[in-house]
Amino acid sequence: MKLERTLWHPVALAHAVGASPAAATLLGEDLVLWRDAAGRAHAWMDQCPHRGARLSLGRVARGELECPYHGWRFEAGGQCTHIPAVPDFKPGPRHCARAYDAREAYGMVWVRLATPENEARPIHDLPAFAAEAEPRLRKTTSGPYVVNASAPRIIENFLDMAHFGFVHEGWLGSREHTAIAPYEVRPTPHGVLATGCLAWQPRSSIHAESGAQVEYTYEVTAPYMAVLTKVPEAGSTAIDGMNEAIAMFVCPVTEETSVAWTRMAMNDFDSPDARLIDFQDTIFGQDRPVLESQRPKRLPLAPDAEVHSAADRISSAYRRYLRDSGITFGVIP
């Protein structure tokens, strides 16, 4: 069993899964997302077991998912409960849709395609980004960003500071301040951690009032997920003691296409959501054409596949982590 099938992946914003079925794709498999009468989110293979029609074209009726082709209805566990053409027939175990594990966290619906043998670890331990936790931080999500790039390429770009002065000139970086000072990188039980990452930024956030040296901490918490926290110099932002963290959640749609979201947690309770999201849209919009231009689209993991510099410590560590973890989707071993 491939490791990536046992991992939890984000597939949709929770509020986007409502009264009607919605289609999504994960690891090359088509899914239908829907909610039952109790409001629980479900993720199934988007294929009716009867004649293969897309269930996402159907509807939710009486808390059950109804196929658009012949009206077969399926309860939350996937079992067919009613076949209109033979209403007196009691469907058996084979009359069942294929259901996957689904749950909600961090404002999103998460799905895994296979259950791992070891259930010791929860979905993800990111308390700062949970809506019900850390009340001192306000949470906002931007996206979805549909990208013609592999999920590992997107995460590696998120970890990269050396592109700030070129791709995000005037925003996160400047061509006059491109040097990357040495920083520390170490493996963790679930990924990679980089500390002491420094970057001079003209506008590190929507609250920046002047250029400032910003200290970053990066953590890869799963193969297709990473979190950064940043602390700007005192007095350089409109909010005293600015506290900001951003998580990059990436859904690996196919080997070379992805959907990404950024989840923000910050001590700004005054700015409207639209302003916060607009800033993230601008930054990701600058990244997208570069990401889509990279060749090969899948991230090469062989040490000699692409050349590196000392500024790429975390990128190199991320590639080692993927290789050592046995990840195969979106990469070139």
C-alpha atoms as a PDB file:
ATOM      1  CA  MET A   1       0.000   0.000   0.000  1.00  0.00           C
ATOM      2  CA  LYS A   2       1.370   3.398  -0.968  1.00  0.00           C
ATOM      3  CA  LEU A   3       1.947   5.726   1.970  1.00  0.00           C
ATOM      4  CA  GLU A   4       0.224   8.714   0.385  1.00  0.00           C
ATOM      5  CA  ARG A   5      -3.072   6.789   0.253  1.00  0.00           C
ATOM      6  CA  THR A   6      -3.009   6.438   4.053  1.00  0.00           C
ATOM      7  CA  LEU A   7      -2.437  10.162   4.675  1.00  0.00           C
ATOM      8  CA  TRP A   8      -5.155  12.737   5.331  1.00  0.00           C
ATOM      9  CA  HIS A   9      -5.452  15.201   2.451  1.00  0.00           C
ATOM     10  CA  PRO A  10      -7.486  18.406   2.154  1.00  0.00           C
ATOM     11  CA  VAL A  11     -10.051  18.202  -0.625  1.00  0.00           C
ATOM     12  CA  ALA A  12     -12.430  21.144  -0.094  1.00  0.00           C
ATOM     13  CA  LEU A  13     -13.308  24.045   2.157  1.00  0.00           C
ATOM     14  CA  ALA A  14     -15.803  22.757   4.712  1.00  0.00           C
ATOM     15  CA  HIS A  15     -18.378  25.434   3.894  1.00  0.00           C
ATOM     16  CA  ALA A  16     -18.176  24.502   0.187  1.00  0.00           C
ATOM     17  CA  VAL A  17     -19.612  21.049   0.936  1.00  0.00           C
ATOM     18  CA  GLY A  18     -23.299  21.759   1.402  1.00  0.00           C
ATOM     19  CA  ALA A  19     -26.737  20.525   0.430  1.00  0.00           C
ATOM     20  CA  SER A  20     -25.693  19.339  -3.038  1.00  0.00           C
ATOM     21  CA  PRO A  21     -23.023  16.748  -3.909  1.00  0.00           C
ATOM     22  CA  ALA A  22     -19.656  18.180  -4.974  1.00  0.00           C
ATOM     23  CA  ALA A  23     -16.946  16.588  -7.108  1.00  0.00           C
ATOM     24  CA  ALA A  24     -13.268  16.480  -6.148  1.00  0.00           C
ATOM     25  CA  THR A  25     -10.186  14.536  -7.192  1.00  0.00           C
ATOM     26  CA  LEU A  26      -7.493  13.126  -4.907  1.00  0.00           C
ATOM     27  CA  LEU A  27      -4.419  11.147  -5.963  1.00  0.00           C
ATOM     28  CA  GLY A  28      -5.999  10.662  -9.374  1.00  0.00           C
ATOM     29  CA  GLU A  29      -9.269   9.260  -7.982  1.00  0.00           C
ATOM     30  CA  ASP A  30     -12.596  11.029  -8.541  1.00  0.00           C
ATOM     31  CA  LEU A  31     -14.573  11.671  -5.349  1.00  0.00           C
ATOM     32  CA  VAL A  32     -18.059  12.840  -4.491  1.00  0.00           C
ATOM     33  CA  LEU A  33     -18.376  14.928  -1.321  1.00  0.00           C
ATOM     34  CA  TRP A  34     -21.742  15.290   0.392  1.00  0.00           C
ATOM     35  CA  ARG A  35     -23.433  15.785   3.769  1.00  0.00           C
ATOM     36  CA  ASP A  36     -26.059  13.571   5.353  1.00  0.00           C
ATOM     37  CA  ALA A  37     -29.108  14.714   7.328  1.00  0.00           C
ATOM     38  CA  ALA A  38     -26.971  15.142  10.450  1.00  0.00           C
ATOM     39  CA  GLY A  39     -24.549  17.430   8.597  1.00  0.00           C
ATOM     40  CA  ARG A  40     -21.677  14.923   8.554  1.00  0.00           C
ATOM     41  CA  ALA A  41     -19.350  15.144   5.567  1.00  0.00           C
ATOM     42  CA  HIS A  42     -18.748  12.036   3.460  1.00  0.00           C
ATOM     43  CA  ALA A  43     -16.339  11.211   0.644  1.00  0.00           C
ATOM     44  CA  TRP A  44     -17.026   8.347  -1.755  1.00  0.00           C
ATOM     45  CA  MET A  45     -15.740   7.116  -5.063  1.00  0.00           C
ATOM     46  CA  ASP A  46     -17.626   9.196  -7.630  1.00  0.00           C
ATOM     47  CA  GLN A  47     -19.066   6.146  -9.343  1.00  0.00           C
ATOM     48  CA  CYS A  48     -22.364   4.390  -8.838  1.00  0.00           C
ATOM     49  CA  PRO A  49     -21.847   0.613  -8.407  1.00  0.00           C
ATOM     50  CA  HIS A  50     -24.843  -0.005 -10.702  1.00  0.00           C
ATOM     51  CA  ARG A  51     -23.821   1.496 -14.063  1.00  0.00           C
ATOM     52  CA  GLY A  52     -20.879   3.722 -13.226  1.00  0.00           C
ATOM     53  CA  ALA A  53     -22.585   7.126 -13.388  1.00  0.00           C
ATOM     54  CA  ARG A  54     -21.042  10.022 -11.476  1.00  0.00           C
ATOM     55  CA  LEU A  55     -22.777  10.314  -8.112  1.00  0.00           C
ATOM     56  CA  SER A  56     -21.689  13.960  -7.937  1.00  0.00           C
ATOM     57  CA  LEU A  57     -24.343  14.651 -10.618  1.00  0.00           C
ATOM     58  CA  GLY A  58     -27.038  13.351  -8.282  1.00  0.00           C
ATOM     59  CA  ARG A  59     -28.710  14.890  -5.261  1.00  0.00           C
ATOM     60  CA  VAL A  60     -29.160  14.388  -1.527  1.00  0.00           C
ATOM     61  CA  ALA A  61     -32.687  13.146  -0.759  1.00  0.00           C
ATOM     62  CA  ARG A  62     -33.915  12.370   2.769  1.00  0.00           C
ATOM     63  CA  GLY A  63     -30.341  12.431   4.015  1.00  0.00           C
ATOM     64  CA  GLU A  64     -29.176   9.893   1.426  1.00  0.00           C
ATOM     65  CA  LEU A  65     -27.204  10.272  -1.801  1.00  0.00           C
ATOM     66  CA  GLU A  66     -29.273   9.582  -4.901  1.00  0.00           C
ATOM     67  CA  CYS A  67     -27.699   8.498  -8.199  1.00  0.00           C
ATOM     68  CA  PRO A  68     -28.679  10.727 -11.151  1.00  0.00           C
ATOM     69  CA  TYR A  69     -29.051   7.793 -13.563  1.00  0.00           C
ATOM     70  CA  HIS A  70     -31.557   5.371 -12.017  1.00  0.00           C
ATOM     71  CA  GLY A  71     -32.299   7.007  -8.676  1.00  0.00           C
ATOM     72  CA  TRP A  72     -30.609   4.410  -6.503  1.00  0.00           C
ATOM     73  CA  ARG A  73     -30.242   5.820  -2.982  1.00  0.00           C
ATOM     74  CA  PHE A  74     -27.355   5.180  -0.621  1.00  0.00           C
ATOM     75  CA  GLU A  75     -27.186   5.807   3.123  1.00  0.00           C
ATOM     76  CA  ALA A  76     -24.193   7.384   4.872  1.00  0.00           C
ATOM     77  CA  GLY A  77     -22.236   4.124   5.115  1.00  0.00           C
ATOM     78  CA  GLY A  78     -22.565   3.529   1.359  1.00  0.00           C
ATOM     79  CA  GLN A  79     -25.219   0.804   1.445  1.00  0.00           C
ATOM     80  CA  CYS A  80     -27.971   1.083  -1.154  1.00  0.00           C
ATOM     81  CA  THR A  81     -31.372   1.420   0.514  1.00  0.00           C
ATOM     82  CA  HIS A  82     -33.749   1.845  -2.420  1.00  0.00           C
ATOM     83  CA  ILE A  83     -33.930   0.881  -6.105  1.00  0.00           C
ATOM     84  CA  PRO A  84     -36.920   2.674  -7.681  1.00  0.00           C
ATOM     85  CA  ALA A  85     -37.242   0.213 -10.581  1.00  0.00           C
ATOM     86  CA  VAL A  86     -37.761  -2.693  -8.139  1.00  0.00           C
ATOM     87  CA  PRO A  87     -39.101  -0.980  -5.013  1.00  0.00           C
ATOM     88  CA  ASP A  88     -39.789  -4.249  -3.137  1.00  0.00           C
ATOM     89  CA  PHE A  89     -36.226  -5.529  -3.570  1.00  0.00           C
ATOM     90  CA  LYS A  90     -33.917  -5.340  -0.551  1.00  0.00           C
ATOM     91  CA  PRO A  91     -30.406  -4.444  -1.780  1.00  0.00           C
ATOM     92  CA  GLY A  92     -27.600  -6.652  -0.519  1.00  0.00           C
ATOM     93  CA  PRO A  93     -23.962  -6.003   0.493  1.00  0.00           C
ATOM     94  CA  ARG A  94     -22.800  -5.823  -3.131  1.00  0.00           C
ATOM     95  CA  HIS A  95     -25.192  -2.941  -3.766  1.00  0.00           C
ATOM     96  CA  CYS A  96     -22.866  -0.548  -2.029  1.00  0.00           C
ATOM     97  CA  ALA A  97     -20.959   2.610  -2.939  1.00  0.00           C
ATOM     98  CA  ARG A  98     -17.278   2.745  -2.029  1.00  0.00           C
ATOM     99  CA  ALA A  99     -16.811   5.056   0.942  1.00  0.00           C
ATOM    100  CA  TYR A 100     -13.560   6.609   2.161  1.00  0.00           C
ATOM    101  CA  ASP A 101     -12.643   8.048   5.549  1.00  0.00           C
ATOM    102  CA  ALA A 102     -13.578  11.737   5.796  1.00  0.00           C
ATOM    103  CA  ARG A 103     -13.459  14.290   8.577  1.00  0.00           C
ATOM    104  CA  GLU A 104     -13.348  18.031   9.130  1.00  0.00           C
ATOM    105  CA  ALA A 105     -10.491  20.045  10.603  1.00  0.00           C
ATOM    106  CA  TYR A 106      -8.982  23.518  10.150  1.00  0.00           C
ATOM    107  CA  GLY A 107     -11.993  24.684   8.144  1.00  0.00           C
ATOM    108  CA  MET A 108     -11.580  21.934   5.547  1.00  0.00           C
ATOM    109  CA  VAL A 109     -12.793  18.462   4.635  1.00  0.00           C
ATOM    110  CA  TRP A 110      -9.981  15.896   4.751  1.00  0.00           C
ATOM    111  CA  VAL A 111      -9.986  12.462   3.109  1.00  0.00           C
ATOM    112  CA  ARG A 112      -7.765   9.421   3.129  1.00  0.00           C
ATOM    113  CA  LEU A 113      -8.124   6.620   0.616  1.00  0.00           C
ATOM    114  CA  ALA A 114      -6.799   3.802   2.818  1.00  0.00           C
ATOM    115  CA  THR A 115      -6.625   3.187   6.558  1.00  0.00           C
ATOM    116  CA  PRO A 116      -3.080   2.811   7.933  1.00  0.00           C
ATOM    117  CA  GLU A 117      -2.138  -0.013  10.263  1.00  0.00           C
ATOM    118  CA  ASN A 118      -0.923   2.466  12.905  1.00  0.00           C
ATOM    119  CA  GLU A 119      -3.685   4.836  14.059  1.00  0.00           C
ATOM    120  CA  ALA A 120      -1.609   6.451  16.806  1.00  0.00           C
ATOM    121  CA  ARG A 121      -1.297   9.885  15.172  1.00  0.00           C
ATOM    122  CA  PRO A 122      -4.311  12.208  14.772  1.00  0.00           C
ATOM    123  CA  ILE A 123      -5.111  13.950  11.501  1.00  0.00           C
ATOM    124  CA  HIS A 124      -2.602  16.756  12.116  1.00  0.00           C
ATOM    125  CA  ASP A 125      -1.512  18.528  15.283  1.00  0.00           C
ATOM    126  CA  LEU A 126      -1.919  22.192  14.308  1.00  0.00           C
ATOM    127  CA  PRO A 127      -3.770  23.776  17.249  1.00  0.00           C
ATOM    128  CA  ALA A 128      -3.083  27.364  16.147  1.00  0.00           C
ATOM    129  CA  PHE A 129      -5.152  26.787  12.993  1.00  0.00           C
ATOM    130  CA  ALA A 130      -8.168  25.090  14.557  1.00  0.00           C
ATOM    131  CA  ALA A 131     -11.261  27.279  14.679  1.00  0.00           C
ATOM    132  CA  GLU A 132     -12.143  26.135  18.181  1.00  0.00           C
ATOM    133  CA  ALA A 133      -8.623  26.474  19.610  1.00  0.00           C
ATOM    134  CA  GLU A 134      -6.221  29.319  20.358  1.00  0.00           C
ATOM    135  CA  PRO A 135      -8.849  32.087  20.668  1.00  0.00           C
ATOM    136  CA  ARG A 136      -6.118  34.746  20.635  1.00  0.00           C
ATOM    137  CA  LEU A 137      -5.586  34.079  16.924  1.00  0.00           C
ATOM    138  CA  ARG A 138      -8.063  34.829  14.147  1.00  0.00           C
ATOM    139  CA  LYS A 139      -8.326  32.226  11.364  1.00  0.00           C
ATOM    140  CA  THR A 140      -8.894  32.903   7.671  1.00  0.00           C
ATOM    141  CA  THR A 141      -8.485  30.626   4.646  1.00  0.00           C
ATOM    142  CA  SER A 142      -7.629  31.678   1.099  1.00  0.00           C
ATOM    143  CA  GLY A 143      -7.978  29.603  -2.032  1.00  0.00           C
ATOM    144  CA  PRO A 144      -8.622  27.251  -3.664  1.00  0.00           C
ATOM    145  CA  TYR A 145      -5.704  27.794  -6.028  1.00  0.00           C
ATOM    146  CA  VAL A 146      -5.754  25.369  -8.957  1.00  0.00           C
ATOM    147  CA  VAL A 147      -2.171  24.853 -10.116  1.00  0.00           C
ATOM    148  CA  ASN A 148      -0.595  22.898 -12.960  1.00  0.00           C
ATOM    149  CA  ALA A 149       2.241  21.794 -10.706  1.00  0.00           C
ATOM    150  CA  SER A 150       2.875  18.796  -8.479  1.00  0.00           C
ATOM    151  CA  ALA A 151       2.119  19.076  -4.773  1.00  0.00           C
ATOM    152  CA  PRO A 152       5.791  18.662  -3.737  1.00  0.00           C
ATOM    153  CA  ARG A 153       6.857  21.493  -6.077  1.00  0.00           C
ATOM    154  CA  ILE A 154       4.305  23.759  -4.368  1.00  0.00           C
ATOM    155  CA  ILE A 155       5.483  22.850  -0.872  1.00  0.00           C
ATOM    156  CA  GLU A 156       9.142  23.315  -1.805  1.00  0.00           C
ATOM    157  CA  ASN A 157       8.327  26.765  -3.199  1.00  0.00           C
ATOM    158  CA  PHE A 158       6.536  27.625   0.064  1.00  0.00           C
ATOM    159  CA  LEU A 159       9.740  26.735   1.958  1.00  0.00           C
ATOM    160  CA  ASP A 160      12.016  28.772  -0.322  1.00  0.00           C
ATOM    161  CA  MET A 161      13.141  32.268   0.766  1.00  0.00           C
ATOM    162  CA  ALA A 162      15.701  32.829  -1.994  1.00  0.00           C
ATOM    163  CA  HIS A 163      12.974  33.634  -4.552  1.00  0.00           C
ATOM    164  CA  PHE A 164      11.451  36.472  -2.488  1.00  0.00           C
ATOM    165  CA  GLY A 165      13.516  39.261  -4.064  1.00  0.00           C
ATOM    166  CA  PHE A 166      12.621  38.181  -7.598  1.00  0.00           C
ATOM    167  CA  VAL A 167       9.149  36.638  -7.662  1.00  0.00           C
ATOM    168  CA  HIS A 168       7.790  38.846  -4.849  1.00  0.00           C
ATOM    169  CA  GLU A 169       9.880  41.982  -5.431  1.00  0.00           C
ATOM    170  CA  GLY A 170       8.423  44.932  -3.552  1.00  0.00           C
ATOM    171  CA  TRP A 171       6.320  42.635  -1.397  1.00  0.00           C
ATOM    172  CA  LEU A 172       8.219  39.859   0.358  1.00  0.00           C
ATOM    173  CA  GLY A 173      11.637  40.736  -0.997  1.00  0.00           C
ATOM    174  CA  SER A 174      13.971  43.152  -2.727  1.00  0.00           C
ATOM    175  CA  ARG A 175      16.738  42.696  -5.297  1.00  0.00           C
ATOM    176  CA  GLU A 176      18.967  44.783  -3.004  1.00  0.00           C
ATOM    177  CA  HIS A 177      18.525  42.277  -0.147  1.00  0.00           C
ATOM    178  CA  THR A 178      18.756  38.769  -1.587  1.00  0.00           C
ATOM    179  CA  ALA A 179      21.430  37.138   0.604  1.00  0.00           C
ATOM    180  CA  ILE A 180      20.154  34.294   2.791  1.00  0.00           C
ATOM    181  CA  ALA A 181      21.977  33.951   6.097  1.00  0.00           C
ATOM    182  CA  PRO A 182      22.741  30.441   7.414  1.00  0.00           C
ATOM    183  CA  TYR A 183      19.853  28.825   9.285  1.00  0.00           C
ATOM    184  CA  GLU A 184      19.297  25.579  11.180  1.00  0.00           C
ATOM    185  CA  VAL A 185      17.464  22.557   9.780  1.00  0.00           C
ATOM    186  CA  ARG A 186      16.665  19.342  11.585  1.00  0.00           C
ATOM    187  CA  PRO A 187      14.362  16.365  11.053  1.00  0.00           C
ATOM    188  CA  THR A 188      11.316  15.873  13.263  1.00  0.00           C
ATOM    189  CA  PRO A 189       9.214  12.737  13.893  1.00  0.00           C
ATOM    190  CA  HIS A 190       6.777  13.931  11.227  1.00  0.00           C
ATOM    191  CA  GLY A 191       8.841  16.064   8.852  1.00  0.00           C
ATOM    192  CA  VAL A 192      11.425  18.849   8.859  1.00  0.00           C
ATOM    193  CA  LEU A 193      11.947  22.006  10.940  1.00  0.00           C
ATOM    194  CA  ALA A 194      13.969  25.092   9.934  1.00  0.00           C
ATOM    195  CA  THR A 195      14.652  27.849  12.468  1.00  0.00           C
ATOM    196  CA  GLY A 196      16.474  31.177  12.423  1.00  0.00           C
ATOM    197  CA  CYS A 197      15.501  31.940   8.822  1.00  0.00           C
ATOM    198  CA  LEU A 198      15.966  35.663   8.164  1.00  0.00           C
ATOM    199  CA  ALA A 199      14.686  37.724   5.254  1.00  0.00           C
ATOM    200  CA  TRP A 200      14.494  41.478   4.662  1.00  0.00           C
ATOM    201  CA  GLN A 201      11.037  42.339   3.364  1.00  0.00           C
ATOM    202  CA  PRO A 202       9.542  45.598   2.057  1.00  0.00           C
ATOM    203  CA  ARG A 203       6.035  44.450   2.946  1.00  0.00           C
ATOM    204  CA  SER A 204       5.886  41.271   5.008  1.00  0.00           C
ATOM    205  CA  SER A 205       2.107  41.533   5.534  1.00  0.00           C
ATOM    206  CA  ILE A 206      -0.817  43.901   5.029  1.00  0.00           C
ATOM    207  CA  HIS A 207       0.148  45.545   8.336  1.00  0.00           C
ATOM    208  CA  ALA A 208       3.749  46.349   7.416  1.00  0.00           C
ATOM    209  CA  GLU A 209       4.489  50.069   7.767  1.00  0.00           C
ATOM    210  CA  SER A 210       8.116  49.857   6.663  1.00  0.00           C
ATOM    211  CA  GLY A 211      10.680  47.414   5.384  1.00  0.00           C
ATOM    212  CA  ALA A 212      11.856  45.035   8.077  1.00  0.00           C
ATOM    213  CA  GLN A 213      13.998  42.047   8.867  1.00  0.00           C
ATOM    214  CA  VAL A 214      11.616  39.154   9.432  1.00  0.00           C
ATOM    215  CA  GLU A 215      12.452  35.914  11.205  1.00  0.00           C
ATOM    216  CA  TYR A 216      10.785  32.813   9.790  1.00  0.00           C
ATOM    217  CA  THR A 217      10.306  29.331  11.182  1.00  0.00           C
ATOM    218  CA  TYR A 218       9.289  26.648   8.709  1.00  0.00           C
ATOM    219  CA  GLU A 219       7.937  23.230   9.547  1.00  0.00           C
ATOM    220  CA  VAL A 220       6.988  20.448   7.164  1.00  0.00           C
ATOM    221  CA  THR A 221       4.303  18.534   9.056  1.00  0.00           C
ATOM    222  CA  ALA A 222       3.284  16.068   6.310  1.00  0.00           C
ATOM    223  CA  PRO A 223       4.490  15.337   2.764  1.00  0.00           C
ATOM    224  CA  TYR A 224       2.129  17.869   1.181  1.00  0.00           C
ATOM    225  CA  MET A 225       1.780  20.339   4.039  1.00  0.00           C
ATOM    226  CA  ALA A 226       3.963  22.980   5.661  1.00  0.00           C
ATOM    227  CA  VAL A 227       3.575  25.777   8.201  1.00  0.00           C
ATOM    228  CA  LEU A 228       5.484  29.037   8.594  1.00  0.00           C
ATOM    229  CA  THR A 229       5.498  31.517  11.441  1.00  0.00           C
ATOM    230  CA  LYS A 230       7.065  34.928  11.074  1.00  0.00           C
ATOM    231  CA  VAL A 231       8.111  37.596  13.522  1.00  0.00           C
ATOM    232  CA  PRO A 232       8.860  41.065  12.089  1.00  0.00           C
ATOM    233  CA  GLU A 233      11.126  43.599  13.745  1.00  0.00           C
ATOM    234  CA  ALA A 234       9.485  45.506  16.580  1.00  0.00           C
ATOM    235  CA  GLY A 235       7.825  48.715  15.413  1.00  0.00           C
ATOM    236  CA  SER A 236       7.638  47.736  11.745  1.00  0.00           C
ATOM    237  CA  THR A 237       3.944  46.791  11.750  1.00  0.00           C
ATOM    238  CA  ALA A 238       0.719  48.549  12.686  1.00  0.00           C
ATOM    239  CA  ILE A 239      -0.077  45.773  15.180  1.00  0.00           C
ATOM    240  CA  ASP A 240       2.231  45.754  18.178  1.00  0.00           C
ATOM    241  CA  GLY A 241       3.544  42.239  18.779  1.00  0.00           C
ATOM    242  CA  MET A 242       2.317  40.994  15.401  1.00  0.00           C
ATOM    243  CA  ASN A 243       1.771  37.235  15.511  1.00  0.00           C
ATOM    244  CA  GLU A 244       1.217  35.462  12.209  1.00  0.00           C
ATOM    245  CA  ALA A 245       1.324  31.862  11.042  1.00  0.00           C
ATOM    246  CA  ILE A 246       0.403  30.451   7.648  1.00  0.00           C
ATOM    247  CA  ALA A 247      -0.234  26.827   6.731  1.00  0.00           C
ATOM    248  CA  MET A 248       0.001  25.629   3.146  1.00  0.00           C
ATOM    249  CA  PHE A 249      -2.455  22.788   2.535  1.00  0.00           C
ATOM    250  CA  VAL A 250      -2.057  21.056  -0.835  1.00  0.00           C
ATOM    251  CA  CYS A 251      -4.325  18.439  -2.374  1.00  0.00           C
ATOM    252  CA  PRO A 252      -2.395  16.242  -4.847  1.00  0.00           C
ATOM    253  CA  VAL A 253      -5.011  15.968  -7.603  1.00  0.00           C
ATOM    254  CA  THR A 254      -2.822  14.170 -10.135  1.00  0.00           C
ATOM    255  CA  GLU A 255       0.918  13.610 -10.295  1.00  0.00           C
ATOM    256  CA  GLU A 256       1.320  17.031 -11.925  1.00  0.00           C
ATOM    257  CA  THR A 257      -1.728  19.075 -10.877  1.00  0.00           C
ATOM    258  CA  SER A 258      -2.811  20.292  -7.450  1.00  0.00           C
ATOM    259  CA  VAL A 259      -5.223  22.445  -5.481  1.00  0.00           C
ATOM    260  CA  ALA A 260      -3.794  24.575  -2.679  1.00  0.00           C
ATOM    261  CA  TRP A 261      -5.166  26.645   0.181  1.00  0.00           C
ATOM    262  CA  THR A 262      -3.488  28.872   2.778  1.00  0.00           C
ATOM    263  CA  ARG A 263      -4.841  28.880   6.316  1.00  0.00           C
ATOM    264  CA  MET A 264      -3.852  31.982   8.293  1.00  0.00           C
ATOM    265  CA  ALA A 265      -3.780  32.413  12.067  1.00  0.00           C
ATOM    266  CA  MET A 266      -2.992  35.908  13.347  1.00  0.00           C
ATOM    267  CA  ASN A 267      -3.752  38.374  16.110  1.00  0.00           C
ATOM    268  CA  ASP A 268      -5.539  40.728  13.704  1.00  0.00           C
ATOM    269  CA  PHE A 269      -9.238  40.841  14.516  1.00  0.00           C
ATOM    270  CA  ASP A 270      -9.987  44.114  12.734  1.00  0.00           C
ATOM    271  CA  SER A 271      -9.119  43.675   9.054  1.00  0.00           C
ATOM    272  CA  PRO A 272     -11.927  42.311   6.875  1.00  0.00           C
ATOM    273  CA  ASP A 273     -11.471  38.795   5.487  1.00  0.00           C
ATOM    274  CA  ALA A 274     -11.384  40.175   1.949  1.00  0.00           C
ATOM    275  CA  ARG A 275      -8.298  42.269   2.691  1.00  0.00           C
ATOM    276  CA  LEU A 276      -6.389  39.360   4.247  1.00  0.00           C
ATOM    277  CA  ILE A 277      -7.354  37.010   1.448  1.00  0.00           C
ATOM    278  CA  ASP A 278      -6.490  39.561  -1.238  1.00  0.00           C
ATOM    279  CA  PHE A 279      -2.919  39.772   0.097  1.00  0.00           C
ATOM    280  CA  GLN A 280      -2.538  35.973  -0.064  1.00  0.00           C
ATOM    281  CA  ASP A 281      -4.129  35.891  -3.522  1.00  0.00           C
ATOM    282  CA  THR A 282      -1.537  38.409  -4.720  1.00  0.00           C
ATOM    283  CA  ILE A 283       1.399  36.438  -3.318  1.00  0.00           C
ATOM    284  CA  PHE A 284       0.186  33.103  -4.682  1.00  0.00           C
ATOM    285  CA  GLY A 285      -0.650  34.724  -8.004  1.00  0.00           C
ATOM    286  CA  GLN A 286       3.015  35.729  -8.283  1.00  0.00           C
ATOM    287  CA  ASP A 287       4.143  32.170  -7.508  1.00  0.00           C
ATOM    288  CA  ARG A 288       1.762  30.369  -9.863  1.00  0.00           C
ATOM    289  CA  PRO A 289       3.394  31.116 -13.272  1.00  0.00           C
ATOM    290  CA  VAL A 290       6.812  30.124 -11.961  1.00  0.00           C
ATOM    291  CA  LEU A 291       5.477  26.917 -10.425  1.00  0.00           C
ATOM    292  CA  GLU A 292       3.726  26.009 -13.658  1.00  0.00           C
ATOM    293  CA  SER A 293       6.891  26.680 -15.645  1.00  0.00           C
ATOM    294  CA  GLN A 294       9.104  24.250 -13.702  1.00  0.00           C
ATOM    295  CA  ARG A 295      10.379  21.151 -15.454  1.00  0.00           C
ATOM    296  CA  PRO A 296      10.113  18.390 -14.633  1.00  0.00           C
ATOM    297  CA  LYS A 297       6.715  19.004 -13.069  1.00  0.00           C
ATOM    298  CA  ARG A 298       7.246  16.241 -10.549  1.00  0.00           C
ATOM    299  CA  LEU A 299       9.864  16.959  -7.881  1.00  0.00           C
ATOM    300  CA  PRO A 300      13.085  14.996  -8.552  1.00  0.00           C
ATOM    301  CA  LEU A 301      14.414  13.387  -5.365  1.00  0.00           C
ATOM    302  CA  ALA A 302      17.786  12.060  -6.550  1.00  0.00           C
ATOM    303  CA  PRO A 303      20.540  14.183  -4.915  1.00  0.00           C
ATOM    304  CA  ASP A 304      22.152  14.952  -8.284  1.00  0.00           C
ATOM    305  CA  ALA A 305      18.906  15.587 -10.242  1.00  0.00           C
ATOM    306  CA  GLU A 306      19.076  19.370  -9.749  1.00  0.00           C
ATOM    307  CA  VAL A 307      21.902  21.559  -8.464  1.00  0.00           C
ATOM    308  CA  HIS A 308      21.685  23.243  -5.061  1.00  0.00           C
ATOM    309  CA  SER A 309      23.192  26.072  -3.034  1.00  0.00           C
ATOM    310  CA  ALA A 310      23.637  26.642   0.695  1.00  0.00           C
ATOM    311  CA  ALA A 311      20.397  28.642   0.693  1.00  0.00           C
ATOM    312  CA  ASP A 312      18.529  25.438  -0.217  1.00  0.00           C
ATOM    313  CA  ARG A 313      19.105  23.598   3.067  1.00  0.00           C
ATOM    314  CA  ILE A 314      15.427  23.161   3.816  1.00  0.00           C
ATOM    315  CA  SER A 315      14.589  22.179   0.236  1.00  0.00           C
ATOM    316  CA  SER A 316      17.251  19.478   0.351  1.00  0.00           C
ATOM    317  CA  ALA A 317      15.990  18.287   3.737  1.00  0.00           C
ATOM    318  CA  TYR A 318      12.420  18.190   2.411  1.00  0.00           C
ATOM    319  CA  ARG A 319      13.491  16.053  -0.544  1.00  0.00           C
ATOM    320  CA  ARG A 320      15.350  13.651   1.776  1.00  0.00           C
ATOM    321  CA  TYR A 321      12.253  13.429   3.979  1.00  0.00           C
ATOM    322  CA  LEU A 322      10.037  12.531   0.995  1.00  0.00           C
ATOM    323  CA  ARG A 323      12.549   9.971  -0.227  1.00  0.00           C
ATOM    324  CA  ASP A 324      13.013   8.389   3.214  1.00  0.00           C
ATOM    325  CA  SER A 325       9.242   8.339   3.822  1.00  0.00           C
ATOM    326  CA  GLY A 326       8.601   6.389   0.635  1.00  0.00           C
ATOM    327  CA  ILE A 327       6.439   9.039  -1.041  1.00  0.00           C
ATOM    328  CA  THR A 328       5.937   8.256  -4.747  1.00  0.00           C
ATOM    329  CA  PHE A 329       3.116  10.577  -5.879  1.00  0.00           C
ATOM    330  CA  GLY A 330       4.238  13.830  -7.496  1.00  0.00           C
ATOM    331  CA  VAL A 331       7.923  12.970  -7.347  1.00  0.00           C
ATOM    332  CA  ILE A 332      10.631  11.344  -9.462  1.00  0.00           C
ATOM    333  CA  PRO A 333      12.501   8.873  -7.224  1.00  0.00           C
END
